[in-house]
Amino acid sequence: HGTYPFVTSSNTLPAMAATGTGLG
């Protein structure tokens, strides 16, 4: 959702807090 391709290599959205930790 960023200014691709000038972005980082991960998802930085708040939704990643669940995916990136395993908390629902």
PDBML (XML) file of the C-alpha atoms, coordinates in Angstrom:
<?xml version="1.0" encoding="UTF-8" ?>
<PDBx:datablock datablockName="MODEL"
   xmlns:PDBx="http://pdbml.pdb.org/schema/pdbx-v50.xsd"
   xmlns:xsi="http://www.w3.org/2001/XMLSchema-instance"
   xsi:schemaLocation="http://pdbml.pdb.org/schema/pdbx-v50.xsd pdbx-v50.xsd">
   <PDBx:atom_siteCategory>
      <PDBx:atom_site id="1">
         <PDBx:B_iso_or_equiv>0.00</PDBx:B_iso_or_equiv>
         <PDBx:Cartn_x>0.000</PDBx:Cartn_x>
         <PDBx:Cartn_y>0.000</PDBx:Cartn_y>
         <PDBx:Cartn_z>0.000</PDBx:Cartn_z>
         <PDBx:auth_asym_id>A</PDBx:auth_asym_id>
         <PDBx:auth_atom_id>CA</PDBx:auth_atom_id>
         <PDBx:auth_comp_id>HIS</PDBx:auth_comp_id>
         <PDBx:auth_seq_id>1</PDBx:auth_seq_id>
         <PDBx:group_PDB>ATOM</PDBx:group_PDB>
         <PDBx:label_alt_id xsi:nil="true" />
         <PDBx:label_asym_id>A</PDBx:label_asym_id>
         <PDBx:label_atom_id>CA</PDBx:label_atom_id>
         <PDBx:label_comp_id>HIS</PDBx:label_comp_id>
         <PDBx:label_entity_id>1</PDBx:label_entity_id>
         <PDBx:label_seq_id>1</PDBx:label_seq_id>
         <PDBx:occupancy>1.00</PDBx:occupancy>
         <PDBx:pdbx_PDB_model_num>1</PDBx:pdbx_PDB_model_num>
         <PDBx:type_symbol>C</PDBx:type_symbol>
      </PDBx:atom_site>
      <PDBx:atom_site id="2">
         <PDBx:B_iso_or_equiv>0.00</PDBx:B_iso_or_equiv>
         <PDBx:Cartn_x>3.004</PDBx:Cartn_x>
         <PDBx:Cartn_y>2.317</PDBx:Cartn_y>
         <PDBx:Cartn_z>-0.045</PDBx:Cartn_z>
         <PDBx:auth_asym_id>A</PDBx:auth_asym_id>
         <PDBx:auth_atom_id>CA</PDBx:auth_atom_id>
         <PDBx:auth_comp_id>GLY</PDBx:auth_comp_id>
         <PDBx:auth_seq_id>2</PDBx:auth_seq_id>
         <PDBx:group_PDB>ATOM</PDBx:group_PDB>
         <PDBx:label_alt_id xsi:nil="true" />
         <PDBx:label_asym_id>A</PDBx:label_asym_id>
         <PDBx:label_atom_id>CA</PDBx:label_atom_id>
         <PDBx:label_comp_id>GLY</PDBx:label_comp_id>
         <PDBx:label_entity_id>1</PDBx:label_entity_id>
         <PDBx:label_seq_id>2</PDBx:label_seq_id>
         <PDBx:occupancy>1.00</PDBx:occupancy>
         <PDBx:pdbx_PDB_model_num>1</PDBx:pdbx_PDB_model_num>
         <PDBx:type_symbol>C</PDBx:type_symbol>
      </PDBx:atom_site>
      <PDBx:atom_site id="3">
         <PDBx:B_iso_or_equiv>0.00</PDBx:B_iso_or_equiv>
         <PDBx:Cartn_x>4.770</PDBx:Cartn_x>
         <PDBx:Cartn_y>4.241</PDBx:Cartn_y>
         <PDBx:Cartn_z>-2.822</PDBx:Cartn_z>
         <PDBx:auth_asym_id>A</PDBx:auth_asym_id>
         <PDBx:auth_atom_id>CA</PDBx:auth_atom_id>
         <PDBx:auth_comp_id>THR</PDBx:auth_comp_id>
         <PDBx:auth_seq_id>3</PDBx:auth_seq_id>
         <PDBx:group_PDB>ATOM</PDBx:group_PDB>
         <PDBx:label_alt_id xsi:nil="true" />
         <PDBx:label_asym_id>A</PDBx:label_asym_id>
         <PDBx:label_atom_id>CA</PDBx:label_atom_id>
         <PDBx:label_comp_id>THR</PDBx:label_comp_id>
         <PDBx:label_entity_id>1</PDBx:label_entity_id>
         <PDBx:label_seq_id>3</PDBx:label_seq_id>
         <PDBx:occupancy>1.00</PDBx:occupancy>
         <PDBx:pdbx_PDB_model_num>1</PDBx:pdbx_PDB_model_num>
         <PDBx:type_symbol>C</PDBx:type_symbol>
      </PDBx:atom_site>
      <PDBx:atom_site id="4">
         <PDBx:B_iso_or_equiv>0.00</PDBx:B_iso_or_equiv>
         <PDBx:Cartn_x>5.910</PDBx:Cartn_x>
         <PDBx:Cartn_y>1.064</PDBx:Cartn_y>
         <PDBx:Cartn_z>-4.571</PDBx:Cartn_z>
         <PDBx:auth_asym_id>A</PDBx:auth_asym_id>
         <PDBx:auth_atom_id>CA</PDBx:auth_atom_id>
         <PDBx:auth_comp_id>TYR</PDBx:auth_comp_id>
         <PDBx:auth_seq_id>4</PDBx:auth_seq_id>
         <PDBx:group_PDB>ATOM</PDBx:group_PDB>
         <PDBx:label_alt_id xsi:nil="true" />
         <PDBx:label_asym_id>A</PDBx:label_asym_id>
         <PDBx:label_atom_id>CA</PDBx:label_atom_id>
         <PDBx:label_comp_id>TYR</PDBx:label_comp_id>
         <PDBx:label_entity_id>1</PDBx:label_entity_id>
         <PDBx:label_seq_id>4</PDBx:label_seq_id>
         <PDBx:occupancy>1.00</PDBx:occupancy>
         <PDBx:pdbx_PDB_model_num>1</PDBx:pdbx_PDB_model_num>
         <PDBx:type_symbol>C</PDBx:type_symbol>
      </PDBx:atom_site>
      <PDBx:atom_site id="5">
         <PDBx:B_iso_or_equiv>0.00</PDBx:B_iso_or_equiv>
         <PDBx:Cartn_x>8.670</PDBx:Cartn_x>
         <PDBx:Cartn_y>0.233</PDBx:Cartn_y>
         <PDBx:Cartn_z>-5.523</PDBx:Cartn_z>
         <PDBx:auth_asym_id>A</PDBx:auth_asym_id>
         <PDBx:auth_atom_id>CA</PDBx:auth_atom_id>
         <PDBx:auth_comp_id>PRO</PDBx:auth_comp_id>
         <PDBx:auth_seq_id>5</PDBx:auth_seq_id>
         <PDBx:group_PDB>ATOM</PDBx:group_PDB>
         <PDBx:label_alt_id xsi:nil="true" />
         <PDBx:label_asym_id>A</PDBx:label_asym_id>
         <PDBx:label_atom_id>CA</PDBx:label_atom_id>
         <PDBx:label_comp_id>PRO</PDBx:label_comp_id>
         <PDBx:label_entity_id>1</PDBx:label_entity_id>
         <PDBx:label_seq_id>5</PDBx:label_seq_id>
         <PDBx:occupancy>1.00</PDBx:occupancy>
         <PDBx:pdbx_PDB_model_num>1</PDBx:pdbx_PDB_model_num>
         <PDBx:type_symbol>C</PDBx:type_symbol>
      </PDBx:atom_site>
      <PDBx:atom_site id="6">
         <PDBx:B_iso_or_equiv>0.00</PDBx:B_iso_or_equiv>
         <PDBx:Cartn_x>10.159</PDBx:Cartn_x>
         <PDBx:Cartn_y>2.844</PDBx:Cartn_y>
         <PDBx:Cartn_z>-3.157</PDBx:Cartn_z>
         <PDBx:auth_asym_id>A</PDBx:auth_asym_id>
         <PDBx:auth_atom_id>CA</PDBx:auth_atom_id>
         <PDBx:auth_comp_id>PHE</PDBx:auth_comp_id>
         <PDBx:auth_seq_id>6</PDBx:auth_seq_id>
         <PDBx:group_PDB>ATOM</PDBx:group_PDB>
         <PDBx:label_alt_id xsi:nil="true" />
         <PDBx:label_asym_id>A</PDBx:label_asym_id>
         <PDBx:label_atom_id>CA</PDBx:label_atom_id>
         <PDBx:label_comp_id>PHE</PDBx:label_comp_id>
         <PDBx:label_entity_id>1</PDBx:label_entity_id>
         <PDBx:label_seq_id>6</PDBx:label_seq_id>
         <PDBx:occupancy>1.00</PDBx:occupancy>
         <PDBx:pdbx_PDB_model_num>1</PDBx:pdbx_PDB_model_num>
         <PDBx:type_symbol>C</PDBx:type_symbol>
      </PDBx:atom_site>
      <PDBx:atom_site id="7">
         <PDBx:B_iso_or_equiv>0.00</PDBx:B_iso_or_equiv>
         <PDBx:Cartn_x>9.013</PDBx:Cartn_x>
         <PDBx:Cartn_y>0.936</PDBx:Cartn_y>
         <PDBx:Cartn_z>-0.087</PDBx:Cartn_z>
         <PDBx:auth_asym_id>A</PDBx:auth_asym_id>
         <PDBx:auth_atom_id>CA</PDBx:auth_atom_id>
         <PDBx:auth_comp_id>VAL</PDBx:auth_comp_id>
         <PDBx:auth_seq_id>7</PDBx:auth_seq_id>
         <PDBx:group_PDB>ATOM</PDBx:group_PDB>
         <PDBx:label_alt_id xsi:nil="true" />
         <PDBx:label_asym_id>A</PDBx:label_asym_id>
         <PDBx:label_atom_id>CA</PDBx:label_atom_id>
         <PDBx:label_comp_id>VAL</PDBx:label_comp_id>
         <PDBx:label_entity_id>1</PDBx:label_entity_id>
         <PDBx:label_seq_id>7</PDBx:label_seq_id>
         <PDBx:occupancy>1.00</PDBx:occupancy>
         <PDBx:pdbx_PDB_model_num>1</PDBx:pdbx_PDB_model_num>
         <PDBx:type_symbol>C</PDBx:type_symbol>
      </PDBx:atom_site>
      <PDBx:atom_site id="8">
         <PDBx:B_iso_or_equiv>0.00</PDBx:B_iso_or_equiv>
         <PDBx:Cartn_x>10.314</PDBx:Cartn_x>
         <PDBx:Cartn_y>-1.443</PDBx:Cartn_y>
         <PDBx:Cartn_z>2.544</PDBx:Cartn_z>
         <PDBx:auth_asym_id>A</PDBx:auth_asym_id>
         <PDBx:auth_atom_id>CA</PDBx:auth_atom_id>
         <PDBx:auth_comp_id>THR</PDBx:auth_comp_id>
         <PDBx:auth_seq_id>8</PDBx:auth_seq_id>
         <PDBx:group_PDB>ATOM</PDBx:group_PDB>
         <PDBx:label_alt_id xsi:nil="true" />
         <PDBx:label_asym_id>A</PDBx:label_asym_id>
         <PDBx:label_atom_id>CA</PDBx:label_atom_id>
         <PDBx:label_comp_id>THR</PDBx:label_comp_id>
         <PDBx:label_entity_id>1</PDBx:label_entity_id>
         <PDBx:label_seq_id>8</PDBx:label_seq_id>
         <PDBx:occupancy>1.00</PDBx:occupancy>
         <PDBx:pdbx_PDB_model_num>1</PDBx:pdbx_PDB_model_num>
         <PDBx:type_symbol>C</PDBx:type_symbol>
      </PDBx:atom_site>
      <PDBx:atom_site id="9">
         <PDBx:B_iso_or_equiv>0.00</PDBx:B_iso_or_equiv>
         <PDBx:Cartn_x>10.080</PDBx:Cartn_x>
         <PDBx:Cartn_y>-5.231</PDBx:Cartn_y>
         <PDBx:Cartn_z>2.135</PDBx:Cartn_z>
         <PDBx:auth_asym_id>A</PDBx:auth_asym_id>
         <PDBx:auth_atom_id>CA</PDBx:auth_atom_id>
         <PDBx:auth_comp_id>SER</PDBx:auth_comp_id>
         <PDBx:auth_seq_id>9</PDBx:auth_seq_id>
         <PDBx:group_PDB>ATOM</PDBx:group_PDB>
         <PDBx:label_alt_id xsi:nil="true" />
         <PDBx:label_asym_id>A</PDBx:label_asym_id>
         <PDBx:label_atom_id>CA</PDBx:label_atom_id>
         <PDBx:label_comp_id>SER</PDBx:label_comp_id>
         <PDBx:label_entity_id>1</PDBx:label_entity_id>
         <PDBx:label_seq_id>9</PDBx:label_seq_id>
         <PDBx:occupancy>1.00</PDBx:occupancy>
         <PDBx:pdbx_PDB_model_num>1</PDBx:pdbx_PDB_model_num>
         <PDBx:type_symbol>C</PDBx:type_symbol>
      </PDBx:atom_site>
      <PDBx:atom_site id="10">
         <PDBx:B_iso_or_equiv>0.00</PDBx:B_iso_or_equiv>
         <PDBx:Cartn_x>7.409</PDBx:Cartn_x>
         <PDBx:Cartn_y>-5.915</PDBx:Cartn_y>
         <PDBx:Cartn_z>4.729</PDBx:Cartn_z>
         <PDBx:auth_asym_id>A</PDBx:auth_asym_id>
         <PDBx:auth_atom_id>CA</PDBx:auth_atom_id>
         <PDBx:auth_comp_id>SER</PDBx:auth_comp_id>
         <PDBx:auth_seq_id>10</PDBx:auth_seq_id>
         <PDBx:group_PDB>ATOM</PDBx:group_PDB>
         <PDBx:label_alt_id xsi:nil="true" />
         <PDBx:label_asym_id>A</PDBx:label_asym_id>
         <PDBx:label_atom_id>CA</PDBx:label_atom_id>
         <PDBx:label_comp_id>SER</PDBx:label_comp_id>
         <PDBx:label_entity_id>1</PDBx:label_entity_id>
         <PDBx:label_seq_id>10</PDBx:label_seq_id>
         <PDBx:occupancy>1.00</PDBx:occupancy>
         <PDBx:pdbx_PDB_model_num>1</PDBx:pdbx_PDB_model_num>
         <PDBx:type_symbol>C</PDBx:type_symbol>
      </PDBx:atom_site>
      <PDBx:atom_site id="11">
         <PDBx:B_iso_or_equiv>0.00</PDBx:B_iso_or_equiv>
         <PDBx:Cartn_x>3.824</PDBx:Cartn_x>
         <PDBx:Cartn_y>-4.983</PDBx:Cartn_y>
         <PDBx:Cartn_z>5.463</PDBx:Cartn_z>
         <PDBx:auth_asym_id>A</PDBx:auth_asym_id>
         <PDBx:auth_atom_id>CA</PDBx:auth_atom_id>
         <PDBx:auth_comp_id>ASN</PDBx:auth_comp_id>
         <PDBx:auth_seq_id>11</PDBx:auth_seq_id>
         <PDBx:group_PDB>ATOM</PDBx:group_PDB>
         <PDBx:label_alt_id xsi:nil="true" />
         <PDBx:label_asym_id>A</PDBx:label_asym_id>
         <PDBx:label_atom_id>CA</PDBx:label_atom_id>
         <PDBx:label_comp_id>ASN</PDBx:label_comp_id>
         <PDBx:label_entity_id>1</PDBx:label_entity_id>
         <PDBx:label_seq_id>11</PDBx:label_seq_id>
         <PDBx:occupancy>1.00</PDBx:occupancy>
         <PDBx:pdbx_PDB_model_num>1</PDBx:pdbx_PDB_model_num>
         <PDBx:type_symbol>C</PDBx:type_symbol>
      </PDBx:atom_site>
      <PDBx:atom_site id="12">
         <PDBx:B_iso_or_equiv>0.00</PDBx:B_iso_or_equiv>
         <PDBx:Cartn_x>3.814</PDBx:Cartn_x>
         <PDBx:Cartn_y>-1.992</PDBx:Cartn_y>
         <PDBx:Cartn_z>7.808</PDBx:Cartn_z>
         <PDBx:auth_asym_id>A</PDBx:auth_asym_id>
         <PDBx:auth_atom_id>CA</PDBx:auth_atom_id>
         <PDBx:auth_comp_id>THR</PDBx:auth_comp_id>
         <PDBx:auth_seq_id>12</PDBx:auth_seq_id>
         <PDBx:group_PDB>ATOM</PDBx:group_PDB>
         <PDBx:label_alt_id xsi:nil="true" />
         <PDBx:label_asym_id>A</PDBx:label_asym_id>
         <PDBx:label_atom_id>CA</PDBx:label_atom_id>
         <PDBx:label_comp_id>THR</PDBx:label_comp_id>
         <PDBx:label_entity_id>1</PDBx:label_entity_id>
         <PDBx:label_seq_id>12</PDBx:label_seq_id>
         <PDBx:occupancy>1.00</PDBx:occupancy>
         <PDBx:pdbx_PDB_model_num>1</PDBx:pdbx_PDB_model_num>
         <PDBx:type_symbol>C</PDBx:type_symbol>
      </PDBx:atom_site>
      <PDBx:atom_site id="13">
         <PDBx:B_iso_or_equiv>0.00</PDBx:B_iso_or_equiv>
         <PDBx:Cartn_x>0.049</PDBx:Cartn_x>
         <PDBx:Cartn_y>-1.733</PDBx:Cartn_y>
         <PDBx:Cartn_z>8.275</PDBx:Cartn_z>
         <PDBx:auth_asym_id>A</PDBx:auth_asym_id>
         <PDBx:auth_atom_id>CA</PDBx:auth_atom_id>
         <PDBx:auth_comp_id>LEU</PDBx:auth_comp_id>
         <PDBx:auth_seq_id>13</PDBx:auth_seq_id>
         <PDBx:group_PDB>ATOM</PDBx:group_PDB>
         <PDBx:label_alt_id xsi:nil="true" />
         <PDBx:label_asym_id>A</PDBx:label_asym_id>
         <PDBx:label_atom_id>CA</PDBx:label_atom_id>
         <PDBx:label_comp_id>LEU</PDBx:label_comp_id>
         <PDBx:label_entity_id>1</PDBx:label_entity_id>
         <PDBx:label_seq_id>13</PDBx:label_seq_id>
         <PDBx:occupancy>1.00</PDBx:occupancy>
         <PDBx:pdbx_PDB_model_num>1</PDBx:pdbx_PDB_model_num>
         <PDBx:type_symbol>C</PDBx:type_symbol>
      </PDBx:atom_site>
      <PDBx:atom_site id="14">
         <PDBx:B_iso_or_equiv>0.00</PDBx:B_iso_or_equiv>
         <PDBx:Cartn_x>-1.458</PDBx:Cartn_x>
         <PDBx:Cartn_y>-2.224</PDBx:Cartn_y>
         <PDBx:Cartn_z>11.759</PDBx:Cartn_z>
         <PDBx:auth_asym_id>A</PDBx:auth_asym_id>
         <PDBx:auth_atom_id>CA</PDBx:auth_atom_id>
         <PDBx:auth_comp_id>PRO</PDBx:auth_comp_id>
         <PDBx:auth_seq_id>14</PDBx:auth_seq_id>
         <PDBx:group_PDB>ATOM</PDBx:group_PDB>
         <PDBx:label_alt_id xsi:nil="true" />
         <PDBx:label_asym_id>A</PDBx:label_asym_id>
         <PDBx:label_atom_id>CA</PDBx:label_atom_id>
         <PDBx:label_comp_id>PRO</PDBx:label_comp_id>
         <PDBx:label_entity_id>1</PDBx:label_entity_id>
         <PDBx:label_seq_id>14</PDBx:label_seq_id>
         <PDBx:occupancy>1.00</PDBx:occupancy>
         <PDBx:pdbx_PDB_model_num>1</PDBx:pdbx_PDB_model_num>
         <PDBx:type_symbol>C</PDBx:type_symbol>
      </PDBx:atom_site>
      <PDBx:atom_site id="15">
         <PDBx:B_iso_or_equiv>0.00</PDBx:B_iso_or_equiv>
         <PDBx:Cartn_x>-3.004</PDBx:Cartn_x>
         <PDBx:Cartn_y>-5.495</PDBx:Cartn_y>
         <PDBx:Cartn_z>10.555</PDBx:Cartn_z>
         <PDBx:auth_asym_id>A</PDBx:auth_asym_id>
         <PDBx:auth_atom_id>CA</PDBx:auth_atom_id>
         <PDBx:auth_comp_id>ALA</PDBx:auth_comp_id>
         <PDBx:auth_seq_id>15</PDBx:auth_seq_id>
         <PDBx:group_PDB>ATOM</PDBx:group_PDB>
         <PDBx:label_alt_id xsi:nil="true" />
         <PDBx:label_asym_id>A</PDBx:label_asym_id>
         <PDBx:label_atom_id>CA</PDBx:label_atom_id>
         <PDBx:label_comp_id>ALA</PDBx:label_comp_id>
         <PDBx:label_entity_id>1</PDBx:label_entity_id>
         <PDBx:label_seq_id>15</PDBx:label_seq_id>
         <PDBx:occupancy>1.00</PDBx:occupancy>
         <PDBx:pdbx_PDB_model_num>1</PDBx:pdbx_PDB_model_num>
         <PDBx:type_symbol>C</PDBx:type_symbol>
      </PDBx:atom_site>
      <PDBx:atom_site id="16">
         <PDBx:B_iso_or_equiv>0.00</PDBx:B_iso_or_equiv>
         <PDBx:Cartn_x>0.529</PDBx:Cartn_x>
         <PDBx:Cartn_y>-6.909</PDBx:Cartn_y>
         <PDBx:Cartn_z>10.522</PDBx:Cartn_z>
         <PDBx:auth_asym_id>A</PDBx:auth_asym_id>
         <PDBx:auth_atom_id>CA</PDBx:auth_atom_id>
         <PDBx:auth_comp_id>MET</PDBx:auth_comp_id>
         <PDBx:auth_seq_id>16</PDBx:auth_seq_id>
         <PDBx:group_PDB>ATOM</PDBx:group_PDB>
         <PDBx:label_alt_id xsi:nil="true" />
         <PDBx:label_asym_id>A</PDBx:label_asym_id>
         <PDBx:label_atom_id>CA</PDBx:label_atom_id>
         <PDBx:label_comp_id>MET</PDBx:label_comp_id>
         <PDBx:label_entity_id>1</PDBx:label_entity_id>
         <PDBx:label_seq_id>16</PDBx:label_seq_id>
         <PDBx:occupancy>1.00</PDBx:occupancy>
         <PDBx:pdbx_PDB_model_num>1</PDBx:pdbx_PDB_model_num>
         <PDBx:type_symbol>C</PDBx:type_symbol>
      </PDBx:atom_site>
      <PDBx:atom_site id="17">
         <PDBx:B_iso_or_equiv>0.00</PDBx:B_iso_or_equiv>
         <PDBx:Cartn_x>0.516</PDBx:Cartn_x>
         <PDBx:Cartn_y>-6.741</PDBx:Cartn_y>
         <PDBx:Cartn_z>14.334</PDBx:Cartn_z>
         <PDBx:auth_asym_id>A</PDBx:auth_asym_id>
         <PDBx:auth_atom_id>CA</PDBx:auth_atom_id>
         <PDBx:auth_comp_id>ALA</PDBx:auth_comp_id>
         <PDBx:auth_seq_id>17</PDBx:auth_seq_id>
         <PDBx:group_PDB>ATOM</PDBx:group_PDB>
         <PDBx:label_alt_id xsi:nil="true" />
         <PDBx:label_asym_id>A</PDBx:label_asym_id>
         <PDBx:label_atom_id>CA</PDBx:label_atom_id>
         <PDBx:label_comp_id>ALA</PDBx:label_comp_id>
         <PDBx:label_entity_id>1</PDBx:label_entity_id>
         <PDBx:label_seq_id>17</PDBx:label_seq_id>
         <PDBx:occupancy>1.00</PDBx:occupancy>
         <PDBx:pdbx_PDB_model_num>1</PDBx:pdbx_PDB_model_num>
         <PDBx:type_symbol>C</PDBx:type_symbol>
      </PDBx:atom_site>
      <PDBx:atom_site id="18">
         <PDBx:B_iso_or_equiv>0.00</PDBx:B_iso_or_equiv>
         <PDBx:Cartn_x>-1.656</PDBx:Cartn_x>
         <PDBx:Cartn_y>-9.858</PDBx:Cartn_y>
         <PDBx:Cartn_z>14.278</PDBx:Cartn_z>
         <PDBx:auth_asym_id>A</PDBx:auth_asym_id>
         <PDBx:auth_atom_id>CA</PDBx:auth_atom_id>
         <PDBx:auth_comp_id>ALA</PDBx:auth_comp_id>
         <PDBx:auth_seq_id>18</PDBx:auth_seq_id>
         <PDBx:group_PDB>ATOM</PDBx:group_PDB>
         <PDBx:label_alt_id xsi:nil="true" />
         <PDBx:label_asym_id>A</PDBx:label_asym_id>
         <PDBx:label_atom_id>CA</PDBx:label_atom_id>
         <PDBx:label_comp_id>ALA</PDBx:label_comp_id>
         <PDBx:label_entity_id>1</PDBx:label_entity_id>
         <PDBx:label_seq_id>18</PDBx:label_seq_id>
         <PDBx:occupancy>1.00</PDBx:occupancy>
         <PDBx:pdbx_PDB_model_num>1</PDBx:pdbx_PDB_model_num>
         <PDBx:type_symbol>C</PDBx:type_symbol>
      </PDBx:atom_site>
      <PDBx:atom_site id="19">
         <PDBx:B_iso_or_equiv>0.00</PDBx:B_iso_or_equiv>
         <PDBx:Cartn_x>0.141</PDBx:Cartn_x>
         <PDBx:Cartn_y>-11.666</PDBx:Cartn_y>
         <PDBx:Cartn_z>11.446</PDBx:Cartn_z>
         <PDBx:auth_asym_id>A</PDBx:auth_asym_id>
         <PDBx:auth_atom_id>CA</PDBx:auth_atom_id>
         <PDBx:auth_comp_id>THR</PDBx:auth_comp_id>
         <PDBx:auth_seq_id>19</PDBx:auth_seq_id>
         <PDBx:group_PDB>ATOM</PDBx:group_PDB>
         <PDBx:label_alt_id xsi:nil="true" />
         <PDBx:label_asym_id>A</PDBx:label_asym_id>
         <PDBx:label_atom_id>CA</PDBx:label_atom_id>
         <PDBx:label_comp_id>THR</PDBx:label_comp_id>
         <PDBx:label_entity_id>1</PDBx:label_entity_id>
         <PDBx:label_seq_id>19</PDBx:label_seq_id>
         <PDBx:occupancy>1.00</PDBx:occupancy>
         <PDBx:pdbx_PDB_model_num>1</PDBx:pdbx_PDB_model_num>
         <PDBx:type_symbol>C</PDBx:type_symbol>
      </PDBx:atom_site>
      <PDBx:atom_site id="20">
         <PDBx:B_iso_or_equiv>0.00</PDBx:B_iso_or_equiv>
         <PDBx:Cartn_x>3.595</PDBx:Cartn_x>
         <PDBx:Cartn_y>-10.753</PDBx:Cartn_y>
         <PDBx:Cartn_z>12.718</PDBx:Cartn_z>
         <PDBx:auth_asym_id>A</PDBx:auth_asym_id>
         <PDBx:auth_atom_id>CA</PDBx:auth_atom_id>
         <PDBx:auth_comp_id>GLY</PDBx:auth_comp_id>
         <PDBx:auth_seq_id>20</PDBx:auth_seq_id>
         <PDBx:group_PDB>ATOM</PDBx:group_PDB>
         <PDBx:label_alt_id xsi:nil="true" />
         <PDBx:label_asym_id>A</PDBx:label_asym_id>
         <PDBx:label_atom_id>CA</PDBx:label_atom_id>
         <PDBx:label_comp_id>GLY</PDBx:label_comp_id>
         <PDBx:label_entity_id>1</PDBx:label_entity_id>
         <PDBx:label_seq_id>20</PDBx:label_seq_id>
         <PDBx:occupancy>1.00</PDBx:occupancy>
         <PDBx:pdbx_PDB_model_num>1</PDBx:pdbx_PDB_model_num>
         <PDBx:type_symbol>C</PDBx:type_symbol>
      </PDBx:atom_site>
      <PDBx:atom_site id="21">
         <PDBx:B_iso_or_equiv>0.00</PDBx:B_iso_or_equiv>
         <PDBx:Cartn_x>3.023</PDBx:Cartn_x>
         <PDBx:Cartn_y>-12.059</PDBx:Cartn_y>
         <PDBx:Cartn_z>16.251</PDBx:Cartn_z>
         <PDBx:auth_asym_id>A</PDBx:auth_asym_id>
         <PDBx:auth_atom_id>CA</PDBx:auth_atom_id>
         <PDBx:auth_comp_id>THR</PDBx:auth_comp_id>
         <PDBx:auth_seq_id>21</PDBx:auth_seq_id>
         <PDBx:group_PDB>ATOM</PDBx:group_PDB>
         <PDBx:label_alt_id xsi:nil="true" />
         <PDBx:label_asym_id>A</PDBx:label_asym_id>
         <PDBx:label_atom_id>CA</PDBx:label_atom_id>
         <PDBx:label_comp_id>THR</PDBx:label_comp_id>
         <PDBx:label_entity_id>1</PDBx:label_entity_id>
         <PDBx:label_seq_id>21</PDBx:label_seq_id>
         <PDBx:occupancy>1.00</PDBx:occupancy>
         <PDBx:pdbx_PDB_model_num>1</PDBx:pdbx_PDB_model_num>
         <PDBx:type_symbol>C</PDBx:type_symbol>
      </PDBx:atom_site>
      <PDBx:atom_site id="22">
         <PDBx:B_iso_or_equiv>0.00</PDBx:B_iso_or_equiv>
         <PDBx:Cartn_x>0.328</PDBx:Cartn_x>
         <PDBx:Cartn_y>-14.725</PDBx:Cartn_y>
         <PDBx:Cartn_z>16.170</PDBx:Cartn_z>
         <PDBx:auth_asym_id>A</PDBx:auth_asym_id>
         <PDBx:auth_atom_id>CA</PDBx:auth_atom_id>
         <PDBx:auth_comp_id>GLY</PDBx:auth_comp_id>
         <PDBx:auth_seq_id>22</PDBx:auth_seq_id>
         <PDBx:group_PDB>ATOM</PDBx:group_PDB>
         <PDBx:label_alt_id xsi:nil="true" />
         <PDBx:label_asym_id>A</PDBx:label_asym_id>
         <PDBx:label_atom_id>CA</PDBx:label_atom_id>
         <PDBx:label_comp_id>GLY</PDBx:label_comp_id>
         <PDBx:label_entity_id>1</PDBx:label_entity_id>
         <PDBx:label_seq_id>22</PDBx:label_seq_id>
         <PDBx:occupancy>1.00</PDBx:occupancy>
         <PDBx:pdbx_PDB_model_num>1</PDBx:pdbx_PDB_model_num>
         <PDBx:type_symbol>C</PDBx:type_symbol>
      </PDBx:atom_site>
      <PDBx:atom_site id="23">
         <PDBx:B_iso_or_equiv>0.00</PDBx:B_iso_or_equiv>
         <PDBx:Cartn_x>-2.100</PDBx:Cartn_x>
         <PDBx:Cartn_y>-12.794</PDBx:Cartn_y>
         <PDBx:Cartn_z>18.330</PDBx:Cartn_z>
         <PDBx:auth_asym_id>A</PDBx:auth_asym_id>
         <PDBx:auth_atom_id>CA</PDBx:auth_atom_id>
         <PDBx:auth_comp_id>LEU</PDBx:auth_comp_id>
         <PDBx:auth_seq_id>23</PDBx:auth_seq_id>
         <PDBx:group_PDB>ATOM</PDBx:group_PDB>
         <PDBx:label_alt_id xsi:nil="true" />
         <PDBx:label_asym_id>A</PDBx:label_asym_id>
         <PDBx:label_atom_id>CA</PDBx:label_atom_id>
         <PDBx:label_comp_id>LEU</PDBx:label_comp_id>
         <PDBx:label_entity_id>1</PDBx:label_entity_id>
         <PDBx:label_seq_id>23</PDBx:label_seq_id>
         <PDBx:occupancy>1.00</PDBx:occupancy>
         <PDBx:pdbx_PDB_model_num>1</PDBx:pdbx_PDB_model_num>
         <PDBx:type_symbol>C</PDBx:type_symbol>
      </PDBx:atom_site>
      <PDBx:atom_site id="24">
         <PDBx:B_iso_or_equiv>0.00</PDBx:B_iso_or_equiv>
         <PDBx:Cartn_x>-5.618</PDBx:Cartn_x>
         <PDBx:Cartn_y>-12.770</PDBx:Cartn_y>
         <PDBx:Cartn_z>16.915</PDBx:Cartn_z>
         <PDBx:auth_asym_id>A</PDBx:auth_asym_id>
         <PDBx:auth_atom_id>CA</PDBx:auth_atom_id>
         <PDBx:auth_comp_id>GLY</PDBx:auth_comp_id>
         <PDBx:auth_seq_id>24</PDBx:auth_seq_id>
         <PDBx:group_PDB>ATOM</PDBx:group_PDB>
         <PDBx:label_alt_id xsi:nil="true" />
         <PDBx:label_asym_id>A</PDBx:label_asym_id>
         <PDBx:label_atom_id>CA</PDBx:label_atom_id>
         <PDBx:label_comp_id>GLY</PDBx:label_comp_id>
         <PDBx:label_entity_id>1</PDBx:label_entity_id>
         <PDBx:label_seq_id>24</PDBx:label_seq_id>
         <PDBx:occupancy>1.00</PDBx:occupancy>
         <PDBx:pdbx_PDB_model_num>1</PDBx:pdbx_PDB_model_num>
         <PDBx:type_symbol>C</PDBx:type_symbol>
      </PDBx:atom_site>
   </PDBx:atom_siteCategory>
</PDBx:datablock>
